Amino acid sequence: MSNKFYITTAIDYPSAPPHIGHVYEKVCADIIARWHRRIGDDVFFSTGTDEHGQKIQKCALSSGKKPEEFVERMSKRFIDLWAKLNISYDSFIRTTQKRHEEIAQNIFKKIYEKGDIYKGLYEGLYCVDCEAFYTEKDLLEGICPTHNKKVEKIKEECYFFKMSKYQDKILEHIRANKDFIQPETRRNEIINRIKEGIRDLSVSRSSFNWGIPLPIDEKHIIFVWFDALINYISVLGYPNKEFRKYWPADIHLIGKDILWFHAVVWLAILLAADIELPRKIFVHGFINIKGEKISKSRGVVVDPLELVRKYGTDAIRYFLLREIRFGEDGDFSEDALIKRINDDLANDLGNLVYRTLTMIEKYFKGYVPRAEIIDKKWEQNIDNFSREVDLHMSNLDFNLALDGTWELINLANKYIEDTKPWNLTKENKTEELKSFIRLLVDVLREVADQIYPFMPQTAESIKDQIGKDKIKKGKPLFPRVDLKGIS
């Protein structure tokens, strides 16, 4: 019987088109999902868009659209990009969908009936872009540290969630489960913040109307973060059979800027609703562009669609995971991308595939030879690399997994140089030549398996070109690139 594995990404806020940071998170989640499918797990992978809130309403107004029209158009841009990047999600949840709205209202009502939601007056400092309240000490002279914008002072009637009631349980759970929040720096950060005290959370708004109506008071809408977090169970149709099959989430994959909402607000909601807590929250880093934080206003952006058009899907996916250690901040530059394409993908991998297929054409008329002689040392090499890569994947050390695969690729390229197959032909050493070619084919099949989660199109192309008995050699996998584009 296969193990279930449920992975989620943060649902994106479609106030603007997707950027490279959105791409990084979805590619990371896709790689994890594909690897778990490869080892036989029953995977459910969800992503989506968070479509309510004051910021969406303002963006829609400024673009001359109704909020419904605005989010429909913007969400489609995310869906289209994920298709181009081969993101293999099982369900795309939108918080404006009826399936989500009903469950969000049910959870709100359940917590209210438990006595954990009460009416009050809120006065505080609010960042519309974050859709979050701040205290004075969190701000830099009244400026939001995330969006570098002045916060607004808000005073309105709202409903509060007794989040403070769950402070001890949340802290106890995080401390008792060492790997619950990863990396460890993020775990320590959230423990220290919780120790400062958890306050009750304002969970409704009445000053604008773009949101899910409260089931207990139609003058109010549900606070966008309370609404959005529930996507992780609404996408499974809580509390139906699919929810019972896949919950709890095995990994919530998020960025570091929304850790508080996932490690505190979400856990408190689940505890209040008597729902089991997720198994892991993994916090990835930010992608900077040439050392600068992504900023549309300052022009520090790259268009993911343009990158895919110029360099191809698999090259982008490979670069993001090879270049950046998972859980840490990373830097994107086109120069670094081109270097990886030329050195790793064209020279190392592409060259190994093309040379091997060319030798099969030249020496065996395109048929993969059967070998009587087996190189036991190389067989053991391949097995060792396979186990090592799987160990790194299970530990979410993606760049180390790719390092291991590339070590095998480079060993195989060196093996060609050292063996000099052209000399085996001259000396009529046919069995040795067959064994040599057969070993390279075995290496390529193993490499295709190992890179499949990262570069599914490339892995399939390698398998198709090798075939079972007769090869179908295509063009080189990765054309070399110069700084002006494809050469």
Protein backbone atom coordinates (compact mmCIF):
# COMPACT_ATOMS: atom_id res chain seq x y z
CA MET A 1 0.00 0.00 0.00
CA SER A 2 1.39 3.42 -0.98
CA ASN A 3 1.89 6.24 1.51
CA LYS A 4 -0.14 9.40 1.09
CA PHE A 5 1.76 12.66 0.63
CA TYR A 6 0.03 16.05 0.67
CA ILE A 7 2.03 19.15 -0.28
CA THR A 8 0.76 22.72 -0.54
CA THR A 9 2.21 26.00 -1.72
CA ALA A 10 1.10 29.39 -0.50
CA ILE A 11 -1.78 30.60 -2.64
CA ASP A 12 -0.65 33.66 -4.59
CA TYR A 13 -2.18 37.10 -4.25
CA PRO A 14 -3.03 38.09 -7.85
CA SER A 15 -2.82 41.87 -7.43
CA ALA A 16 0.04 41.86 -9.97
CA PRO A 17 1.45 39.34 -12.49
CA PRO A 18 3.57 36.41 -11.20
CA HIS A 19 7.28 37.07 -10.63
CA ILE A 20 10.37 34.87 -10.24
CA GLY A 21 9.68 34.38 -6.50
CA HIS A 22 6.30 32.82 -7.28
CA VAL A 23 8.00 30.62 -9.89
CA TYR A 24 10.66 29.42 -7.42
CA GLU A 25 8.12 28.26 -4.84
CA LYS A 26 5.95 26.41 -7.35
CA VAL A 27 8.94 24.71 -9.01
CA CYS A 28 10.26 23.58 -5.60
CA ALA A 29 6.86 22.13 -4.67
CA ASP A 30 6.54 20.45 -8.05
CA ILE A 31 9.94 18.78 -7.67
CA ILE A 32 8.97 17.43 -4.24
CA ALA A 33 5.61 16.17 -5.59
CA ARG A 34 7.20 14.51 -8.64
CA TRP A 35 9.86 12.78 -6.54
CA HIS A 36 7.24 11.40 -4.15
CA ARG A 37 5.21 10.11 -7.09
CA ARG A 38 8.36 8.51 -8.49
CA ILE A 39 8.94 6.56 -5.26
CA GLY A 40 5.33 5.36 -5.31
CA ASP A 41 3.56 7.71 -2.91
CA ASP A 42 -0.08 8.73 -3.41
CA VAL A 43 0.48 12.47 -3.87
CA PHE A 44 -1.91 15.39 -3.63
CA PHE A 45 -0.36 18.74 -4.61
CA SER A 46 -2.37 21.94 -4.27
CA THR A 47 -1.79 25.56 -5.21
CA GLY A 48 -4.05 28.47 -6.08
CA THR A 49 -4.86 32.16 -5.72
CA ASP A 50 -5.96 34.25 -2.74
CA GLU A 51 -8.49 36.62 -4.31
CA HIS A 52 -10.14 38.66 -1.57
CA GLY A 53 -9.12 41.69 0.46
CA GLN A 54 -8.81 45.45 0.34
CA LYS A 55 -5.71 45.46 -1.86
CA ILE A 56 -7.48 43.45 -4.60
CA GLN A 57 -10.46 45.80 -4.40
CA LYS A 58 -8.15 48.82 -4.81
CA CYS A 59 -6.22 47.26 -7.69
CA ALA A 60 -9.44 46.37 -9.48
CA LEU A 61 -10.75 49.92 -9.04
CA SER A 62 -7.55 51.48 -10.37
CA SER A 63 -7.64 49.21 -13.45
CA GLY A 64 -11.29 50.06 -14.17
CA LYS A 65 -12.49 46.51 -13.49
CA LYS A 66 -14.90 44.93 -11.06
CA PRO A 67 -13.04 42.76 -8.50
CA GLU A 68 -14.60 39.60 -10.03
CA GLU A 69 -13.32 40.50 -13.51
CA PHE A 70 -9.92 41.58 -12.18
CA VAL A 71 -9.20 38.35 -10.28
CA GLU A 72 -10.50 36.21 -13.17
CA ARG A 73 -8.01 37.83 -15.55
CA MET A 74 -5.10 37.87 -13.10
CA SER A 75 -5.55 34.31 -11.84
CA LYS A 76 -5.50 33.08 -15.42
CA ARG A 77 -1.98 34.52 -15.77
CA PHE A 78 -0.81 32.35 -12.88
CA ILE A 79 -2.56 29.25 -14.25
CA ASP A 80 -1.08 29.80 -17.73
CA LEU A 81 2.45 30.25 -16.36
CA TRP A 82 2.23 27.09 -14.23
CA ALA A 83 1.20 25.16 -17.35
CA LYS A 84 4.28 26.48 -19.21
CA LEU A 85 6.52 25.51 -16.28
CA ASN A 86 5.05 21.97 -16.06
CA ILE A 87 3.74 22.45 -12.51
CA SER A 88 1.90 19.18 -11.89
CA TYR A 89 -0.60 20.31 -9.24
CA ASP A 90 -3.67 18.16 -8.57
CA SER A 91 -5.99 21.04 -7.72
CA PHE A 92 -5.91 24.80 -8.18
CA ILE A 93 -8.04 26.49 -5.53
CA ARG A 94 -9.37 30.02 -5.89
CA THR A 95 -10.78 31.63 -2.75
CA THR A 96 -13.67 33.11 -4.77
CA GLN A 97 -14.89 29.61 -5.61
CA LYS A 98 -18.08 28.42 -3.91
CA ARG A 99 -16.32 25.25 -2.68
CA HIS A 100 -13.93 27.43 -0.68
CA GLU A 101 -16.37 30.09 0.50
CA GLU A 102 -18.76 27.57 2.06
CA ILE A 103 -16.01 25.79 3.99
CA ALA A 104 -14.47 29.09 5.17
CA GLN A 105 -17.88 30.13 6.51
CA ASN A 106 -18.39 26.72 8.16
CA ILE A 107 -15.02 26.89 9.94
CA PHE A 108 -15.71 30.46 11.08
CA LYS A 109 -19.13 29.42 12.43
CA LYS A 110 -17.68 26.34 14.15
CA ILE A 111 -15.09 28.44 16.00
CA TYR A 112 -17.72 31.09 16.86
CA GLU A 113 -20.06 28.47 18.30
CA LYS A 114 -17.18 27.14 20.39
CA GLY A 115 -16.98 30.59 22.00
CA ASP A 116 -13.62 31.54 20.48
CA ILE A 117 -14.89 34.53 18.44
CA TYR A 118 -16.26 37.72 20.00
CA LYS A 119 -17.24 41.22 18.86
CA GLY A 120 -15.14 44.28 19.68
CA LEU A 121 -13.56 47.49 18.43
CA TYR A 122 -10.19 47.44 16.70
CA GLU A 123 -7.78 50.32 16.45
CA GLY A 124 -4.41 49.67 14.90
CA LEU A 125 -1.82 50.21 12.17
CA TYR A 126 -2.62 48.34 8.96
CA CYS A 127 -0.63 47.66 5.79
CA VAL A 128 -3.03 47.14 2.88
CA ASP A 129 -0.35 45.39 0.79
CA CYS A 130 0.39 42.86 3.57
CA GLU A 131 -3.29 42.73 4.61
CA ALA A 132 -1.88 42.69 8.15
CA PHE A 133 -1.74 44.78 11.33
CA TYR A 134 1.53 46.00 12.81
CA THR A 135 2.68 47.33 16.17
CA GLU A 136 4.84 50.49 16.33
CA LYS A 137 7.96 48.44 17.16
CA ASP A 138 7.51 46.36 13.96
CA LEU A 139 7.64 49.49 11.79
CA LEU A 140 10.48 51.68 10.59
CA GLU A 141 9.23 55.22 11.34
CA GLY A 142 5.68 54.21 10.43
CA ILE A 143 6.79 52.36 7.28
CA CYS A 144 5.91 48.70 6.57
CA PRO A 145 9.24 46.75 6.54
CA THR A 146 8.02 44.42 3.77
CA HIS A 147 6.48 46.89 1.30
CA ASN A 148 8.30 50.09 2.29
CA LYS A 149 4.99 51.96 2.43
CA LYS A 150 3.31 54.03 5.14
CA VAL A 151 0.74 52.05 7.12
CA GLU A 152 -2.82 53.29 7.72
CA LYS A 153 -4.42 53.89 11.09
CA ILE A 154 -7.68 51.93 11.23
CA LYS A 155 -10.50 52.02 13.75
CA GLU A 156 -13.53 49.83 13.16
CA GLU A 157 -15.94 47.39 14.73
CA CYS A 158 -14.88 43.81 14.11
CA TYR A 159 -14.93 40.26 15.42
CA PHE A 160 -11.91 38.88 17.23
CA PHE A 161 -10.56 35.34 17.37
CA LYS A 162 -9.25 34.23 20.79
CA MET A 163 -5.86 33.33 19.34
CA SER A 164 -4.08 34.09 22.63
CA LYS A 165 -5.91 31.10 24.16
CA TYR A 166 -3.77 28.77 22.02
CA GLN A 167 -0.35 30.33 22.69
CA ASP A 168 0.89 27.62 25.07
CA LYS A 169 -0.34 24.75 22.87
CA ILE A 170 1.30 26.20 19.77
CA LEU A 171 4.60 26.82 21.54
CA GLU A 172 4.54 23.36 23.10
CA HIS A 173 3.91 21.74 19.69
CA ILE A 174 6.75 23.61 17.97
CA ARG A 175 9.18 22.81 20.79
CA ALA A 176 8.18 19.13 20.95
CA ASN A 177 8.55 18.61 17.18
CA LYS A 178 12.05 19.68 16.18
CA ASP A 179 11.46 19.33 12.42
CA PHE A 180 7.98 20.86 12.40
CA ILE A 181 9.34 24.20 11.15
CA GLN A 182 12.38 24.14 8.88
CA PRO A 183 15.01 25.50 8.51
CA GLU A 184 15.94 25.72 12.19
CA THR A 185 16.60 29.48 11.98
CA ARG A 186 12.90 30.01 11.14
CA ARG A 187 11.85 27.72 13.99
CA ASN A 188 13.93 29.73 16.46
CA GLU A 189 12.60 32.99 15.04
CA ILE A 190 8.96 31.99 15.55
CA ILE A 191 9.58 30.57 19.05
CA ASN A 192 11.11 33.89 20.13
CA ARG A 193 8.25 35.85 18.64
CA ILE A 194 5.58 33.66 20.31
CA LYS A 195 7.35 34.11 23.68
CA GLU A 196 6.72 37.87 23.32
CA GLY A 197 3.00 37.05 23.44
CA ILE A 198 0.17 36.20 21.04
CA ARG A 199 -2.69 38.69 20.92
CA ASP A 200 -6.26 38.00 19.83
CA LEU A 201 -6.73 38.44 16.08
CA SER A 202 -9.19 40.72 14.32
CA VAL A 203 -10.91 38.34 11.87
CA SER A 204 -13.53 40.50 10.17
CA ARG A 205 -13.78 43.76 8.25
CA SER A 206 -16.72 46.12 7.74
CA SER A 207 -15.06 49.08 5.98
CA PHE A 208 -15.09 47.37 2.55
CA ASN A 209 -17.02 44.47 1.05
CA TRP A 210 -14.72 42.40 -1.19
CA GLY A 211 -14.63 39.17 0.78
CA ILE A 212 -16.65 36.27 2.14
CA PRO A 213 -19.68 37.42 4.22
CA LEU A 214 -19.59 36.39 7.87
CA PRO A 215 -22.10 33.58 8.48
CA ILE A 216 -23.10 35.30 11.75
CA ASP A 217 -23.21 38.95 10.60
CA GLU A 218 -23.62 39.99 6.96
CA LYS A 219 -22.37 43.53 7.67
CA HIS A 220 -18.89 42.00 7.99
CA ILE A 221 -16.61 40.00 5.72
CA ILE A 222 -14.02 37.44 6.85
CA PHE A 223 -10.50 38.83 7.25
CA VAL A 224 -8.52 37.84 4.16
CA TRP A 225 -5.87 35.84 6.04
CA PHE A 226 -8.42 33.81 8.03
CA ASP A 227 -10.19 33.12 4.72
CA ALA A 228 -7.00 32.31 2.74
CA LEU A 229 -5.45 29.83 5.17
CA ILE A 230 -8.55 27.64 5.04
CA ASN A 231 -7.70 26.86 1.39
CA TYR A 232 -5.49 24.00 2.62
CA ILE A 233 -8.55 22.09 3.78
CA SER A 234 -11.19 23.52 1.42
CA VAL A 235 -9.16 22.24 -1.56
CA LEU A 236 -9.67 18.75 -0.07
CA GLY A 237 -13.40 19.34 0.44
CA TYR A 238 -13.29 19.32 4.26
CA PRO A 239 -14.61 17.21 5.97
CA ASN A 240 -15.25 14.69 3.17
CA LYS A 241 -13.47 11.48 2.12
CA GLU A 242 -10.63 13.23 0.23
CA PHE A 243 -9.88 15.38 3.27
CA ARG A 244 -9.78 12.31 5.51
CA LYS A 245 -7.46 10.59 3.03
CA TYR A 246 -4.85 13.34 2.61
CA TRP A 247 -4.97 15.54 5.70
CA PRO A 248 -2.77 16.44 7.55
CA ALA A 249 -0.55 18.26 5.07
CA ASP A 250 2.91 16.68 4.96
CA ILE A 251 4.53 19.95 3.85
CA HIS A 252 3.22 23.52 3.78
CA LEU A 253 5.79 25.24 1.54
CA ILE A 254 5.86 29.01 2.17
CA GLY A 255 8.04 32.12 2.02
CA LYS A 256 9.58 33.60 5.15
CA ASP A 257 7.38 36.72 5.07
CA ILE A 258 4.23 34.69 5.88
CA LEU A 259 5.62 32.36 8.54
CA TRP A 260 3.66 34.00 11.40
CA PHE A 261 0.35 33.39 9.62
CA HIS A 262 1.17 29.71 9.05
CA ALA A 263 2.97 28.86 12.29
CA VAL A 264 0.64 30.79 14.61
CA VAL A 265 -2.63 31.98 13.00
CA TRP A 266 -3.21 28.76 11.03
CA LEU A 267 -2.32 26.49 13.94
CA ALA A 268 -4.66 28.42 16.23
CA ILE A 269 -7.51 28.10 13.69
CA LEU A 270 -6.93 24.36 13.41
CA LEU A 271 -6.75 23.88 17.17
CA ALA A 272 -9.95 25.89 17.63
CA ALA A 273 -11.70 23.86 14.93
CA ASP A 274 -10.44 20.54 16.40
CA ILE A 275 -8.51 19.67 13.23
CA GLU A 276 -5.15 17.86 13.28
CA LEU A 277 -2.10 20.07 12.76
CA PRO A 278 0.07 19.81 9.62
CA ARG A 279 3.28 17.74 9.79
CA LYS A 280 5.79 20.28 8.50
CA ILE A 281 6.12 23.92 7.53
CA PHE A 282 9.10 24.48 5.25
CA VAL A 283 10.21 28.08 4.76
CA HIS A 284 12.09 28.83 1.55
CA GLY A 285 14.15 31.98 1.03
CA PHE A 286 13.60 34.96 -1.25
CA ILE A 287 14.93 35.35 -4.77
CA ASN A 288 16.85 38.57 -5.28
CA ILE A 289 17.78 39.96 -8.68
CA LYS A 290 21.48 40.78 -8.94
CA GLY A 291 21.55 41.30 -5.19
CA GLU A 292 18.46 43.52 -5.03
CA LYS A 293 15.04 42.67 -3.61
CA ILE A 294 12.30 42.26 -6.23
CA SER A 295 10.51 45.60 -6.65
CA LYS A 296 8.15 46.48 -9.47
CA SER A 297 8.26 50.19 -8.58
CA ARG A 298 12.08 50.26 -8.83
CA GLY A 299 12.14 48.07 -11.94
CA VAL A 300 13.90 45.17 -10.16
CA VAL A 301 11.93 42.42 -11.90
CA VAL A 302 12.32 39.70 -14.51
CA ASP A 303 9.46 38.36 -16.61
CA PRO A 304 9.20 34.58 -16.07
CA LEU A 305 7.34 34.11 -19.38
CA GLU A 306 10.16 35.85 -21.25
CA LEU A 307 12.74 33.64 -19.51
CA VAL A 308 10.84 30.49 -20.53
CA ARG A 309 10.58 31.76 -24.11
CA LYS A 310 14.31 32.48 -24.34
CA TYR A 311 15.80 29.55 -22.43
CA GLY A 312 13.14 26.86 -22.07
CA THR A 313 11.24 25.50 -19.09
CA ASP A 314 13.71 22.88 -17.90
CA ALA A 315 16.70 25.24 -17.93
CA ILE A 316 14.83 27.65 -15.62
CA ARG A 317 13.73 24.83 -13.30
CA TYR A 318 17.26 23.39 -13.15
CA PHE A 319 18.93 26.75 -12.51
CA LEU A 320 16.66 27.70 -9.59
CA LEU A 321 17.30 24.43 -7.74
CA ARG A 322 21.00 23.99 -8.55
CA GLU A 323 21.98 27.57 -7.88
CA ILE A 324 20.04 28.16 -4.64
CA ARG A 325 20.27 26.12 -1.44
CA PHE A 326 16.72 25.26 -0.41
CA GLY A 327 15.69 27.30 2.63
CA GLU A 328 18.14 30.14 1.97
CA ASP A 329 17.90 33.36 -0.05
CA GLY A 330 19.22 33.16 -3.57
CA ASP A 331 20.19 35.44 -6.41
CA PHE A 332 18.99 35.41 -9.99
CA SER A 333 20.92 36.79 -12.92
CA GLU A 334 20.70 35.97 -16.58
CA ASP A 335 24.49 35.64 -16.80
CA ALA A 336 24.49 32.94 -14.10
CA LEU A 337 21.60 31.17 -15.85
CA ILE A 338 23.45 31.16 -19.19
CA LYS A 339 26.59 29.81 -17.50
CA ARG A 340 24.61 26.90 -16.01
CA ILE A 341 23.00 26.17 -19.38
CA ASN A 342 26.31 26.15 -21.22
CA ASP A 343 28.44 24.37 -18.61
CA ASP A 344 26.03 21.91 -16.97
CA LEU A 345 23.27 21.32 -19.48
CA ALA A 346 24.94 21.70 -22.87
CA ASN A 347 28.54 20.60 -22.10
CA ASP A 348 28.01 17.96 -19.41
CA LEU A 349 24.56 16.39 -19.84
CA GLY A 350 23.80 17.25 -23.46
CA ASN A 351 27.25 16.19 -24.60
CA LEU A 352 27.05 12.83 -22.79
CA VAL A 353 23.68 12.01 -24.37
CA TYR A 354 24.69 13.10 -27.87
CA ARG A 355 28.07 11.31 -27.81
CA THR A 356 26.52 8.08 -26.54
CA LEU A 357 23.78 8.05 -29.18
CA THR A 358 26.27 8.94 -31.91
CA MET A 359 28.48 5.97 -30.93
CA ILE A 360 25.46 3.62 -30.96
CA GLU A 361 24.66 4.85 -34.48
CA LYS A 362 28.25 4.54 -35.64
CA TYR A 363 29.21 1.20 -34.08
CA PHE A 364 25.88 -0.69 -33.83
CA LYS A 365 23.67 0.84 -36.56
CA GLY A 366 21.40 2.49 -33.97
CA TYR A 367 20.66 -0.64 -31.91
CA VAL A 368 21.47 -0.70 -28.20
CA PRO A 369 23.89 -3.63 -27.81
CA ARG A 370 23.50 -6.48 -25.34
CA ALA A 371 26.64 -6.99 -23.31
CA GLU A 372 28.11 -10.25 -22.05
CA ILE A 373 30.76 -8.49 -19.96
CA ILE A 374 29.44 -6.46 -17.02
CA ASP A 375 31.58 -3.87 -15.24
CA LYS A 376 30.70 -4.62 -11.60
CA LYS A 377 32.50 -1.55 -10.32
CA TRP A 378 30.44 0.75 -12.50
CA GLU A 379 27.22 -1.07 -11.62
CA GLN A 380 28.01 -0.42 -7.96
CA ASN A 381 28.82 3.21 -8.81
CA ILE A 382 25.38 3.71 -10.36
CA ASP A 383 23.63 2.08 -7.38
CA ASN A 384 25.59 4.22 -4.93
CA PHE A 385 24.73 7.45 -6.74
CA SER A 386 21.07 6.42 -6.89
CA ARG A 387 20.89 5.87 -3.13
CA GLU A 388 22.79 9.08 -2.41
CA VAL A 389 20.49 11.18 -4.59
CA ASP A 390 17.37 9.67 -3.00
CA LEU A 391 18.76 10.41 0.47
CA HIS A 392 19.35 14.06 -0.47
CA MET A 393 15.86 14.30 -1.97
CA SER A 394 14.25 12.87 1.16
CA ASN A 395 16.13 15.52 3.19
CA LEU A 396 15.01 18.29 0.76
CA ASP A 397 18.67 18.97 -0.16
CA PHE A 398 17.94 19.57 -3.82
CA ASN A 399 21.21 21.19 -4.82
CA LEU A 400 23.12 18.30 -3.20
CA ALA A 401 20.96 15.80 -5.12
CA LEU A 402 21.82 17.59 -8.36
CA ASP A 403 25.49 17.73 -7.36
CA GLY A 404 25.40 13.92 -7.02
CA THR A 405 23.73 13.46 -10.41
CA TRP A 406 26.27 15.74 -12.07
CA GLU A 407 29.10 13.84 -10.46
CA LEU A 408 27.79 10.69 -12.16
CA ILE A 409 27.45 12.56 -15.49
CA ASN A 410 31.00 13.88 -15.27
CA LEU A 411 32.37 10.46 -14.33
CA ALA A 412 30.68 9.02 -17.43
CA ASN A 413 32.17 11.74 -19.65
CA LYS A 414 35.59 11.01 -18.18
CA TYR A 415 35.01 7.27 -18.73
CA ILE A 416 34.58 7.96 -22.47
CA GLU A 417 37.86 9.91 -22.59
CA ASP A 418 39.73 7.25 -20.60
CA THR A 419 38.33 4.22 -22.46
CA LYS A 420 38.79 5.67 -25.98
CA PRO A 421 36.11 3.55 -27.69
CA TRP A 422 37.57 4.33 -31.12
CA ASN A 423 40.62 2.28 -30.09
CA LEU A 424 38.41 -0.65 -29.03
CA THR A 425 36.97 -0.64 -32.55
CA LYS A 426 40.39 -0.58 -34.18
CA GLU A 427 41.50 -3.50 -32.00
CA ASN A 428 38.30 -5.48 -32.77
CA LYS A 429 37.41 -5.64 -29.06
CA THR A 430 33.69 -5.96 -29.83
CA GLU A 431 32.57 -7.37 -26.46
CA GLU A 432 34.44 -4.64 -24.57
CA LEU A 433 32.84 -2.03 -26.84
CA LYS A 434 29.38 -3.51 -26.24
CA SER A 435 29.97 -3.46 -22.49
CA PHE A 436 31.21 0.14 -22.67
CA ILE A 437 28.17 1.35 -24.64
CA ARG A 438 25.77 -0.64 -22.49
CA LEU A 439 27.19 0.96 -19.37
CA LEU A 440 26.73 4.48 -20.80
CA VAL A 441 23.11 3.63 -21.65
CA ASP A 442 22.56 2.44 -18.07
CA VAL A 443 24.08 5.68 -16.77
CA LEU A 444 21.79 7.76 -18.99
CA ARG A 445 18.70 5.84 -17.86
CA GLU A 446 19.68 6.41 -14.24
CA VAL A 447 20.39 10.10 -14.90
CA ALA A 448 17.00 10.46 -16.61
CA ASP A 449 15.31 9.00 -13.51
CA GLN A 450 17.25 11.29 -11.19
CA ILE A 451 16.60 14.51 -13.13
CA TYR A 452 12.94 13.75 -13.87
CA PRO A 453 11.55 15.73 -10.89
CA PHE A 454 13.70 18.74 -11.88
CA MET A 455 13.55 18.54 -15.68
CA PRO A 456 10.65 16.29 -16.73
CA GLN A 457 10.77 17.22 -20.43
CA THR A 458 14.51 16.56 -20.64
CA ALA A 459 14.20 13.25 -18.78
CA GLU A 460 11.46 12.08 -21.15
CA SER A 461 13.50 13.21 -24.17
CA ILE A 462 16.52 11.16 -22.99
CA LYS A 463 14.34 8.06 -22.48
CA ASP A 464 12.65 8.52 -25.87
CA GLN A 465 15.97 8.94 -27.68
CA ILE A 466 17.49 5.83 -26.05
CA GLY A 467 14.35 3.75 -26.61
CA LYS A 468 14.28 0.08 -25.62
CA ASP A 469 16.32 -1.53 -28.39
CA LYS A 470 16.70 1.08 -31.13
CA ILE A 471 17.66 4.68 -30.56
CA LYS A 472 15.94 7.76 -32.02
CA LYS A 473 18.65 10.40 -31.89
CA GLY A 474 17.32 13.96 -31.87
CA LYS A 475 18.92 17.38 -31.77
CA PRO A 476 21.26 18.27 -28.87
CA LEU A 477 19.20 18.67 -25.70
CA PHE A 478 20.45 22.16 -24.88
CA PRO A 479 21.85 24.51 -27.55
CA ARG A 480 24.63 26.70 -26.25
CA VAL A 481 23.60 30.24 -25.41
CA ASP A 482 25.48 33.53 -25.65
CA LEU A 483 24.61 36.76 -23.86
CA LYS A 484 22.50 37.87 -26.81
CA GLY A 485 20.37 34.72 -26.76
CA ILE A 486 20.54 31.33 -28.44
CA SER A 487 23.60 31.01 -30.67
